[in-house]
Amino acid sequence: RALVEQSLRGSVEKQAIVDDAMIDRYWELLRFPGNREATVLRAR
């Protein structure tokens, strides 16, 4: 989760928008079945 938070904060200028709910949403949906594999395939 800490890596997801760090990535989010590195993407935005207005840090105040990054709250716990936003971090949880990105973190949990990234781990939705198939999404991490898709991330790796897209990177290639």
All heavy atoms as atom14 arrays in JSON, in Angstrom:
{
  "sequence": "RALVEQSLRGSVEKQAIVDDAMIDRYWELLRFPGNREATVLRAR",
  "atom14_mask": [
    [1, 1, 1, 1, 1, 1, 1, 1, 1, 1, 1, 0, 0, 0],
    [1, 1, 1, 1, 1, 0, 0, 0, 0, 0, 0, 0, 0, 0],
    [1, 1, 1, 1, 1, 1, 1, 1, 0, 0, 0, 0, 0, 0],
    [1, 1, 1, 1, 1, 1, 1, 0, 0, 0, 0, 0, 0, 0],
    [1, 1, 1, 1, 1, 1, 1, 1, 1, 0, 0, 0, 0, 0],
    [1, 1, 1, 1, 1, 1, 1, 1, 1, 0, 0, 0, 0, 0],
    [1, 1, 1, 1, 1, 1, 0, 0, 0, 0, 0, 0, 0, 0],
    [1, 1, 1, 1, 1, 1, 1, 1, 0, 0, 0, 0, 0, 0],
    [1, 1, 1, 1, 1, 1, 1, 1, 1, 1, 1, 0, 0, 0],
    [1, 1, 1, 1, 0, 0, 0, 0, 0, 0, 0, 0, 0, 0],
    [1, 1, 1, 1, 1, 1, 0, 0, 0, 0, 0, 0, 0, 0],
    [1, 1, 1, 1, 1, 1, 1, 0, 0, 0, 0, 0, 0, 0],
    [1, 1, 1, 1, 1, 1, 1, 1, 1, 0, 0, 0, 0, 0],
    [1, 1, 1, 1, 1, 1, 1, 1, 1, 0, 0, 0, 0, 0],
    [1, 1, 1, 1, 1, 1, 1, 1, 1, 0, 0, 0, 0, 0],
    [1, 1, 1, 1, 1, 0, 0, 0, 0, 0, 0, 0, 0, 0],
    [1, 1, 1, 1, 1, 1, 1, 1, 0, 0, 0, 0, 0, 0],
    [1, 1, 1, 1, 1, 1, 1, 0, 0, 0, 0, 0, 0, 0],
    [1, 1, 1, 1, 1, 1, 1, 1, 0, 0, 0, 0, 0, 0],
    [1, 1, 1, 1, 1, 1, 1, 1, 0, 0, 0, 0, 0, 0],
    [1, 1, 1, 1, 1, 0, 0, 0, 0, 0, 0, 0, 0, 0],
    [1, 1, 1, 1, 1, 1, 1, 1, 0, 0, 0, 0, 0, 0],
    [1, 1, 1, 1, 1, 1, 1, 1, 0, 0, 0, 0, 0, 0],
    [1, 1, 1, 1, 1, 1, 1, 1, 0, 0, 0, 0, 0, 0],
    [1, 1, 1, 1, 1, 1, 1, 1, 1, 1, 1, 0, 0, 0],
    [1, 1, 1, 1, 1, 1, 1, 1, 1, 1, 1, 1, 0, 0],
    [1, 1, 1, 1, 1, 1, 1, 1, 1, 1, 1, 1, 1, 1],
    [1, 1, 1, 1, 1, 1, 1, 1, 1, 0, 0, 0, 0, 0],
    [1, 1, 1, 1, 1, 1, 1, 1, 0, 0, 0, 0, 0, 0],
    [1, 1, 1, 1, 1, 1, 1, 1, 0, 0, 0, 0, 0, 0],
    [1, 1, 1, 1, 1, 1, 1, 1, 1, 1, 1, 0, 0, 0],
    [1, 1, 1, 1, 1, 1, 1, 1, 1, 1, 1, 0, 0, 0],
    [1, 1, 1, 1, 1, 1, 1, 0, 0, 0, 0, 0, 0, 0],
    [1, 1, 1, 1, 0, 0, 0, 0, 0, 0, 0, 0, 0, 0],
    [1, 1, 1, 1, 1, 1, 1, 1, 0, 0, 0, 0, 0, 0],
    [1, 1, 1, 1, 1, 1, 1, 1, 1, 1, 1, 0, 0, 0],
    [1, 1, 1, 1, 1, 1, 1, 1, 1, 0, 0, 0, 0, 0],
    [1, 1, 1, 1, 1, 0, 0, 0, 0, 0, 0, 0, 0, 0],
    [1, 1, 1, 1, 1, 1, 1, 0, 0, 0, 0, 0, 0, 0],
    [1, 1, 1, 1, 1, 1, 1, 0, 0, 0, 0, 0, 0, 0],
    [1, 1, 1, 1, 1, 1, 1, 1, 0, 0, 0, 0, 0, 0],
    [1, 1, 1, 1, 1, 1, 1, 1, 1, 1, 1, 0, 0, 0],
    [1, 1, 1, 1, 1, 0, 0, 0, 0, 0, 0, 0, 0, 0],
    [1, 1, 1, 1, 1, 1, 1, 1, 1, 1, 1, 0, 0, 0]
  ],
  "atom14_positions": [
    [[0.84, -1.2, 0.0], [0.0, 0.0, 0.0], [0.87, 1.25, 0.0], [0.56, 2.26, -0.64], [-0.92, 0.0, 1.22], [-1.91, 1.16, 1.27], [-2.78, 1.05, 2.52], [-3.81, 2.07, 2.57], [-3.63, 3.32, 3.02], [-2.41, 3.69, 3.45], [-4.62, 4.19, 3.03], [0.0, 0.0, 0.0], [0.0, 0.0, 0.0], [0.0, 0.0, 0.0]],
    [[2.0, 1.21, 0.73], [2.89, 2.37, 0.81], [3.46, 2.73, -0.55], [3.66, 3.91, -0.87], [4.02, 2.1, 1.8], [0.0, 0.0, 0.0], [0.0, 0.0, 0.0], [0.0, 0.0, 0.0], [0.0, 0.0, 0.0], [0.0, 0.0, 0.0], [0.0, 0.0, 0.0], [0.0, 0.0, 0.0], [0.0, 0.0, 0.0], [0.0, 0.0, 0.0]],
    [[3.71, 1.72, -1.39], [4.23, 1.98, -2.74], [3.17, 2.66, -3.59], [3.47, 3.58, -4.37], [4.67, 0.67, -3.38], [5.21, 0.78, -4.82], [6.49, 1.6, -4.85], [5.45, -0.62, -5.39], [0.0, 0.0, 0.0], [0.0, 0.0, 0.0], [0.0, 0.0, 0.0], [0.0, 0.0, 0.0], [0.0, 0.0, 0.0], [0.0, 0.0, 0.0]],
    [[1.92, 2.24, -3.46], [0.82, 2.86, -4.2], [0.67, 4.32, -3.76], [0.5, 5.22, -4.59], [-0.49, 2.09, -3.98], [-1.67, 2.83, -4.59], [-0.38, 0.69, -4.58], [0.0, 0.0, 0.0], [0.0, 0.0, 0.0], [0.0, 0.0, 0.0], [0.0, 0.0, 0.0], [0.0, 0.0, 0.0], [0.0, 0.0, 0.0], [0.0, 0.0, 0.0]],
    [[0.75, 4.56, -2.46], [0.65, 5.94, -1.97], [1.79, 6.8, -2.53], [1.57, 7.93, -2.98], [0.69, 5.98, -0.45], [0.66, 7.39, 0.11], [0.64, 7.46, 1.63], [0.71, 6.4, 2.28], [0.55, 8.59, 2.17], [0.0, 0.0, 0.0], [0.0, 0.0, 0.0], [0.0, 0.0, 0.0], [0.0, 0.0, 0.0], [0.0, 0.0, 0.0]],
    [[3.0, 6.25, -2.5], [4.15, 7.01, -3.0], [3.99, 7.34, -4.48], [4.31, 8.44, -4.93], [5.43, 6.22, -2.75], [6.71, 7.0, -3.04], [7.96, 6.22, -2.67], [7.9, 5.12, -2.12], [9.12, 6.76, -3.01], [0.0, 0.0, 0.0], [0.0, 0.0, 0.0], [0.0, 0.0, 0.0], [0.0, 0.0, 0.0], [0.0, 0.0, 0.0]],
    [[3.48, 6.37, -5.25], [3.27, 6.6, -6.68], [2.21, 7.67, -6.93], [2.36, 8.52, -7.81], [2.86, 5.29, -7.37], [3.92, 4.36, -7.35], [0.0, 0.0, 0.0], [0.0, 0.0, 0.0], [0.0, 0.0, 0.0], [0.0, 0.0, 0.0], [0.0, 0.0, 0.0], [0.0, 0.0, 0.0], [0.0, 0.0, 0.0], [0.0, 0.0, 0.0]],
    [[1.13, 7.62, -6.15], [0.08, 8.63, -6.28], [0.62, 10.02, -5.97], [0.37, 10.97, -6.7], [-1.07, 8.31, -5.34], [-2.19, 7.43, -5.87], [-3.18, 7.1, -4.75], [-2.92, 8.1, -7.01], [0.0, 0.0, 0.0], [0.0, 0.0, 0.0], [0.0, 0.0, 0.0], [0.0, 0.0, 0.0], [0.0, 0.0, 0.0], [0.0, 0.0, 0.0]],
    [[1.35, 10.11, -4.87], [1.88, 11.42, -4.48], [2.9, 11.93, -5.49], [3.07, 13.14, -5.66], [2.48, 11.35, -3.08], [1.44, 11.09, -1.99], [1.96, 11.33, -0.59], [0.94, 11.09, 0.41], [-0.04, 11.93, 0.72], [-0.12, 13.1, 0.09], [-0.93, 11.63, 1.64], [0.0, 0.0, 0.0], [0.0, 0.0, 0.0], [0.0, 0.0, 0.0]],
    [[3.57, 11.02, -6.18], [4.51, 11.44, -7.21], [3.85, 11.86, -8.5], [4.5, 12.39, -9.4], [0.0, 0.0, 0.0], [0.0, 0.0, 0.0], [0.0, 0.0, 0.0], [0.0, 0.0, 0.0], [0.0, 0.0, 0.0], [0.0, 0.0, 0.0], [0.0, 0.0, 0.0], [0.0, 0.0, 0.0], [0.0, 0.0, 0.0], [0.0, 0.0, 0.0]],
    [[2.52, 11.65, -8.6], [1.79, 11.97, -9.82], [1.06, 13.3, -9.74], [0.66, 13.83, -10.78], [0.76, 10.86, -10.13], [1.4, 9.62, -10.3], [0.0, 0.0, 0.0], [0.0, 0.0, 0.0], [0.0, 0.0, 0.0], [0.0, 0.0, 0.0], [0.0, 0.0, 0.0], [0.0, 0.0, 0.0], [0.0, 0.0, 0.0], [0.0, 0.0, 0.0]],
    [[0.85, 13.81, -8.53], [0.04, 15.01, -8.38], [0.84, 16.12, -7.74], [1.81, 15.88, -7.01], [-1.23, 14.72, -7.54], [-2.08, 13.65, -8.2], [-0.9, 14.34, -6.11], [0.0, 0.0, 0.0], [0.0, 0.0, 0.0], [0.0, 0.0, 0.0], [0.0, 0.0, 0.0], [0.0, 0.0, 0.0], [0.0, 0.0, 0.0], [0.0, 0.0, 0.0]],
    [[0.43, 17.34, -8.0], [1.03, 18.51, -7.37], [0.28, 18.86, -6.09], [0.88, 19.22, -5.08], [1.03, 19.69, -8.34], [1.69, 20.95, -7.81], [3.2, 20.82, -7.63], [3.79, 19.84, -8.16], [3.79, 21.68, -6.97], [0.0, 0.0, 0.0], [0.0, 0.0, 0.0], [0.0, 0.0, 0.0], [0.0, 0.0, 0.0], [0.0, 0.0, 0.0]],
    [[-1.04, 18.74, -6.12], [-1.86, 19.05, -4.95], [-1.97, 17.82, -4.06], [-2.83, 16.97, -4.24], [-3.25, 19.54, -5.39], [-3.23, 20.93, -5.98], [-4.63, 21.52, -6.04], [-4.6, 22.98, -6.44], [-5.96, 23.59, -6.45], [0.0, 0.0, 0.0], [0.0, 0.0, 0.0], [0.0, 0.0, 0.0], [0.0, 0.0, 0.0], [0.0, 0.0, 0.0]],
    [[-1.09, 17.75, -3.08], [-1.01, 16.57, -2.23], [-2.26, 16.36, -1.37], [-2.56, 15.23, -0.96], [0.21, 16.66, -1.32], [1.53, 16.66, -2.08], [1.8, 15.34, -2.78], [1.75, 14.29, -2.17], [2.07, 15.4, -4.08], [0.0, 0.0, 0.0], [0.0, 0.0, 0.0], [0.0, 0.0, 0.0], [0.0, 0.0, 0.0], [0.0, 0.0, 0.0]],
    [[-3.01, 17.4, -1.14], [-4.17, 17.29, -0.26], [-5.25, 16.37, -0.82], [-6.07, 15.85, -0.06], [-4.77, 18.68, 0.0], [0.0, 0.0, 0.0], [0.0, 0.0, 0.0], [0.0, 0.0, 0.0], [0.0, 0.0, 0.0], [0.0, 0.0, 0.0], [0.0, 0.0, 0.0], [0.0, 0.0, 0.0], [0.0, 0.0, 0.0], [0.0, 0.0, 0.0]],
    [[-5.23, 16.12, -2.12], [-6.29, 15.25, -2.69], [-6.02, 13.78, -2.39], [-6.91, 12.94, -2.52], [-6.45, 15.44, -4.2], [-5.27, 14.84, -4.97], [-6.65, 16.91, -4.57], [-5.52, 14.65, -6.43], [0.0, 0.0, 0.0], [0.0, 0.0, 0.0], [0.0, 0.0, 0.0], [0.0, 0.0, 0.0], [0.0, 0.0, 0.0], [0.0, 0.0, 0.0]],
    [[-4.78, 13.45, -2.0], [-4.43, 12.05, -1.75], [-4.78, 11.72, -0.3], [-4.02, 12.01, 0.63], [-2.93, 11.79, -2.01], [-2.59, 10.33, -1.77], [-2.56, 12.2, -3.43], [0.0, 0.0, 0.0], [0.0, 0.0, 0.0], [0.0, 0.0, 0.0], [0.0, 0.0, 0.0], [0.0, 0.0, 0.0], [0.0, 0.0, 0.0], [0.0, 0.0, 0.0]],
    [[-5.94, 11.12, -0.09], [-6.37, 10.72, 1.25], [-6.42, 9.2, 1.35], [-6.13, 8.49, 0.39], [-7.72, 11.34, 1.6], [-8.82, 10.97, 0.62], [-8.63, 10.03, -0.19], [-9.89, 11.62, 0.64], [0.0, 0.0, 0.0], [0.0, 0.0, 0.0], [0.0, 0.0, 0.0], [0.0, 0.0, 0.0], [0.0, 0.0, 0.0], [0.0, 0.0, 0.0]],
    [[-6.77, 8.69, 2.52], [-6.78, 7.25, 2.74], [-7.74, 6.53, 1.8], [-7.42, 5.44, 1.3], [-7.14, 6.93, 4.19], [-6.0, 7.23, 5.16], [-4.85, 7.31, 4.7], [-6.26, 7.38, 6.36], [0.0, 0.0, 0.0], [0.0, 0.0, 0.0], [0.0, 0.0, 0.0], [0.0, 0.0, 0.0], [0.0, 0.0, 0.0], [0.0, 0.0, 0.0]],
    [[-8.89, 7.12, 1.55], [-9.88, 6.48, 0.68], [-9.34, 6.35, -0.74], [-9.53, 5.32, -1.41], [-11.18, 7.26, 0.68], [0.0, 0.0, 0.0], [0.0, 0.0, 0.0], [0.0, 0.0, 0.0], [0.0, 0.0, 0.0], [0.0, 0.0, 0.0], [0.0, 0.0, 0.0], [0.0, 0.0, 0.0], [0.0, 0.0, 0.0], [0.0, 0.0, 0.0]],
    [[-8.64, 7.37, -1.22], [-8.08, 7.34, -2.57], [-6.98, 6.29, -2.66], [-6.93, 5.5, -3.63], [-7.52, 8.72, -2.92], [-6.98, 8.84, -4.34], [-6.33, 10.51, -4.62], [-5.97, 10.47, -6.37], [0.0, 0.0, 0.0], [0.0, 0.0, 0.0], [0.0, 0.0, 0.0], [0.0, 0.0, 0.0], [0.0, 0.0, 0.0], [0.0, 0.0, 0.0]],
    [[-6.11, 6.24, -1.66], [-5.03, 5.25, -1.66], [-5.6, 3.84, -1.64], [-5.17, 2.95, -2.39], [-4.09, 5.48, -0.45], [-3.43, 6.86, -0.55], [-3.03, 4.39, -0.39], [-2.77, 7.3, 0.75], [0.0, 0.0, 0.0], [0.0, 0.0, 0.0], [0.0, 0.0, 0.0], [0.0, 0.0, 0.0], [0.0, 0.0, 0.0], [0.0, 0.0, 0.0]],
    [[-6.58, 3.61, -0.77], [-7.19, 2.28, -0.68], [-7.82, 1.87, -2.01], [-7.71, 0.72, -2.43], [-8.26, 2.26, 0.42], [-7.67, 2.19, 1.82], [-6.48, 1.84, 1.95], [-8.39, 2.5, 2.78], [0.0, 0.0, 0.0], [0.0, 0.0, 0.0], [0.0, 0.0, 0.0], [0.0, 0.0, 0.0], [0.0, 0.0, 0.0], [0.0, 0.0, 0.0]],
    [[-8.49, 2.82, -2.67], [-9.16, 2.5, -3.94], [-8.14, 2.08, -4.99], [-8.3, 1.06, -5.66], [-9.97, 3.7, -4.43], [-10.78, 3.4, -5.68], [-11.57, 4.61, -6.14], [-10.75, 5.59, -6.8], [-10.6, 6.85, -6.41], [-11.21, 7.29, -5.32], [-9.84, 7.68, -7.09], [0.0, 0.0, 0.0], [0.0, 0.0, 0.0], [0.0, 0.0, 0.0]],
    [[-7.07, 2.85, -5.14], [-6.04, 2.5, -6.12], [-5.39, 1.16, -5.75], [-5.14, 0.33, -6.63], [-4.97, 3.59, -6.19], [-5.27, 4.7, -7.16], [-6.12, 5.76, -6.82], [-4.7, 4.72, -8.44], [-6.39, 6.78, -7.72], [-4.95, 5.73, -9.34], [-5.8, 6.76, -8.98], [-6.07, 7.77, -9.86], [0.0, 0.0, 0.0], [0.0, 0.0, 0.0]],
    [[-5.09, 0.98, -4.48], [-4.41, -0.23, -4.03], [-5.27, -1.48, -4.21], [-4.81, -2.49, -4.73], [-4.02, -0.06, -2.56], [-3.24, -1.2, -1.97], [-2.15, -1.81, -2.5], [-3.51, -1.85, -0.72], [-1.7, -2.81, -1.66], [-2.51, -2.85, -0.56], [-4.47, -1.68, 0.27], [-2.47, -3.69, 0.56], [-4.42, -2.5, 1.39], [-3.44, -3.49, 1.52]],
    [[-6.52, -1.38, -3.83], [-7.4, -2.55, -3.91], [-7.79, -2.88, -5.34], [-7.85, -4.05, -5.73], [-8.64, -2.33, -3.04], [-8.33, -2.31, -1.56], [-9.53, -1.99, -0.68], [-10.51, -1.41, -1.18], [-9.47, -2.31, 0.52], [0.0, 0.0, 0.0], [0.0, 0.0, 0.0], [0.0, 0.0, 0.0], [0.0, 0.0, 0.0], [0.0, 0.0, 0.0]],
    [[-8.03, -1.86, -6.16], [-8.41, -2.13, -7.55], [-7.21, -2.57, -8.39], [-7.37, -3.32, -9.36], [-9.08, -0.9, -8.16], [-10.47, -0.58, -7.6], [-11.06, 0.65, -8.29], [-11.42, -1.77, -7.73], [0.0, 0.0, 0.0], [0.0, 0.0, 0.0], [0.0, 0.0, 0.0], [0.0, 0.0, 0.0], [0.0, 0.0, 0.0], [0.0, 0.0, 0.0]],
    [[-6.02, -2.14, -8.03], [-4.83, -2.64, -8.72], [-4.7, -4.14, -8.52], [-4.22, -4.86, -9.4], [-3.58, -1.92, -8.21], [-2.24, -2.36, -8.8], [-2.23, -2.2, -10.32], [-1.1, -1.57, -8.18], [0.0, 0.0, 0.0], [0.0, 0.0, 0.0], [0.0, 0.0, 0.0], [0.0, 0.0, 0.0], [0.0, 0.0, 0.0], [0.0, 0.0, 0.0]],
    [[-5.19, -4.63, -7.38], [-5.1, -6.05, -7.05], [-6.38, -6.81, -7.42], [-6.52, -7.99, -7.07], [-4.8, -6.2, -5.56], [-3.4, -5.75, -5.21], [-3.22, -5.41, -3.73], [-3.79, -6.44, -2.88], [-4.57, -6.19, -1.82], [-4.87, -4.93, -1.49], [-5.04, -7.18, -1.1], [0.0, 0.0, 0.0], [0.0, 0.0, 0.0], [0.0, 0.0, 0.0]],
    [[-7.29, -6.17, -8.13], [-8.47, -6.86, -8.65], [-7.98, -7.93, -9.63], [-7.02, -7.71, -10.37], [-9.38, -5.86, -9.36], [-10.74, -6.4, -9.75], [-11.77, -6.44, -8.84], [-10.97, -6.86, -11.04], [-13.03, -6.92, -9.19], [-12.21, -7.35, -11.4], [-13.25, -7.39, -10.47], [0.0, 0.0, 0.0], [0.0, 0.0, 0.0], [0.0, 0.0, 0.0]],
    [[-8.61, -9.11, -9.66], [-8.1, -10.2, -10.48], [-7.78, -9.81, -11.93], [-8.63, -9.29, -12.64], [-9.23, -11.24, -10.42], [-9.85, -11.01, -9.07], [-9.79, -9.52, -8.87], [0.0, 0.0, 0.0], [0.0, 0.0, 0.0], [0.0, 0.0, 0.0], [0.0, 0.0, 0.0], [0.0, 0.0, 0.0], [0.0, 0.0, 0.0], [0.0, 0.0, 0.0]],
    [[-6.54, -10.05, -12.31], [-6.09, -9.78, -13.68], [-5.43, -8.44, -13.88], [-4.73, -8.25, -14.88], [0.0, 0.0, 0.0], [0.0, 0.0, 0.0], [0.0, 0.0, 0.0], [0.0, 0.0, 0.0], [0.0, 0.0, 0.0], [0.0, 0.0, 0.0], [0.0, 0.0, 0.0], [0.0, 0.0, 0.0], [0.0, 0.0, 0.0], [0.0, 0.0, 0.0]],
    [[-5.62, -7.5, -12.95], [-5.12, -6.14, -13.2], [-3.61, -6.03, -13.09], [-2.98, -5.29, -13.85], [-5.8, -5.15, -12.26], [-7.22, -4.84, -12.68], [-7.66, -5.23, -13.75], [-7.97, -4.14, -11.83], [0.0, 0.0, 0.0], [0.0, 0.0, 0.0], [0.0, 0.0, 0.0], [0.0, 0.0, 0.0], [0.0, 0.0, 0.0], [0.0, 0.0, 0.0]],
    [[-3.01, -6.76, -12.16], [-1.55, -6.66, -12.04], [-0.86, -7.33, -13.23], [0.14, -6.81, -13.75], [-1.08, -7.26, -10.71], [-1.39, -6.37, -9.52], [-0.79, -6.88, -8.24], [-1.44, -8.1, -7.77], [-1.13, -8.71, -6.62], [-0.15, -8.23, -5.86], [-1.77, -9.8, -6.24], [0.0, 0.0, 0.0], [0.0, 0.0, 0.0], [0.0, 0.0, 0.0]],
    [[-1.39, -8.44, -13.67], [-0.84, -9.07, -14.87], [-0.97, -8.13, -16.06], [-0.04, -7.99, -16.87], [-1.56, -10.39, -15.16], [-1.04, -11.08, -16.42], [-1.93, -12.22, -16.88], [-3.14, -12.21, -16.6], [-1.4, -13.13, -17.56], [0.0, 0.0, 0.0], [0.0, 0.0, 0.0], [0.0, 0.0, 0.0], [0.0, 0.0, 0.0], [0.0, 0.0, 0.0]],
    [[-2.12, -7.47, -16.19], [-2.33, -6.53, -17.29], [-1.34, -5.38, -17.23], [-0.84, -4.92, -18.27], [-3.77, -6.01, -17.26], [0.0, 0.0, 0.0], [0.0, 0.0, 0.0], [0.0, 0.0, 0.0], [0.0, 0.0, 0.0], [0.0, 0.0, 0.0], [0.0, 0.0, 0.0], [0.0, 0.0, 0.0], [0.0, 0.0, 0.0], [0.0, 0.0, 0.0]],
    [[-1.04, -4.9, -16.03], [-0.08, -3.81, -15.86], [1.28, -4.21, -16.42], [1.93, -3.43, -17.13], [0.05, -3.44, -14.38], [-1.21, -2.95, -13.9], [1.1, -2.38, -14.16], [0.0, 0.0, 0.0], [0.0, 0.0, 0.0], [0.0, 0.0, 0.0], [0.0, 0.0, 0.0], [0.0, 0.0, 0.0], [0.0, 0.0, 0.0], [0.0, 0.0, 0.0]],
    [[1.7, -5.43, -16.12], [2.99, -5.91, -16.6], [2.97, -6.09, -18.12], [3.92, -5.72, -18.82], [3.35, -7.23, -15.9], [4.56, -7.89, -16.56], [3.65, -6.98, -14.42], [0.0, 0.0, 0.0], [0.0, 0.0, 0.0], [0.0, 0.0, 0.0], [0.0, 0.0, 0.0], [0.0, 0.0, 0.0], [0.0, 0.0, 0.0], [0.0, 0.0, 0.0]],
    [[1.9, -6.63, -18.65], [1.81, -6.82, -20.1], [1.82, -5.47, -20.82], [2.43, -5.33, -21.88], [0.54, -7.61, -20.44], [0.53, -9.07, -20.0], [-0.82, -9.72, -20.28], [1.65, -9.85, -20.67], [0.0, 0.0, 0.0], [0.0, 0.0, 0.0], [0.0, 0.0, 0.0], [0.0, 0.0, 0.0], [0.0, 0.0, 0.0], [0.0, 0.0, 0.0]],
    [[1.14, -4.46, -20.27], [1.14, -3.13, -20.89], [2.53, -2.52, -20.89], [2.91, -1.82, -21.83], [0.16, -2.18, -20.17], [-1.28, -2.44, -20.43], [-2.13, -1.23, -20.06], [-1.74, -0.59, -18.83], [-2.09, -0.98, -17.62], [-2.86, -2.03, -17.46], [-1.68, -0.32, -16.55], [0.0, 0.0, 0.0], [0.0, 0.0, 0.0], [0.0, 0.0, 0.0]],
    [[3.28, -2.77, -19.82], [4.62, -2.2, -19.72], [5.54, -2.73, -20.81], [6.54, -2.1, -21.14], [5.21, -2.49, -18.34], [0.0, 0.0, 0.0], [0.0, 0.0, 0.0], [0.0, 0.0, 0.0], [0.0, 0.0, 0.0], [0.0, 0.0, 0.0], [0.0, 0.0, 0.0], [0.0, 0.0, 0.0], [0.0, 0.0, 0.0], [0.0, 0.0, 0.0]],
    [[5.21, -3.89, -21.36], [6.05, -4.5, -22.4], [5.52, -4.22, -23.81], [6.13, -4.65, -24.79], [6.12, -6.0, -22.16], [6.74, -6.37, -20.83], [6.54, -7.85, -20.5], [7.13, -8.71, -21.53], [6.99, -10.04, -21.53], [6.27, -10.62, -20.6], [7.55, -10.75, -22.48], [0.0, 0.0, 0.0], [0.0, 0.0, 0.0], [0.0, 0.0, 0.0]]
  ]
}
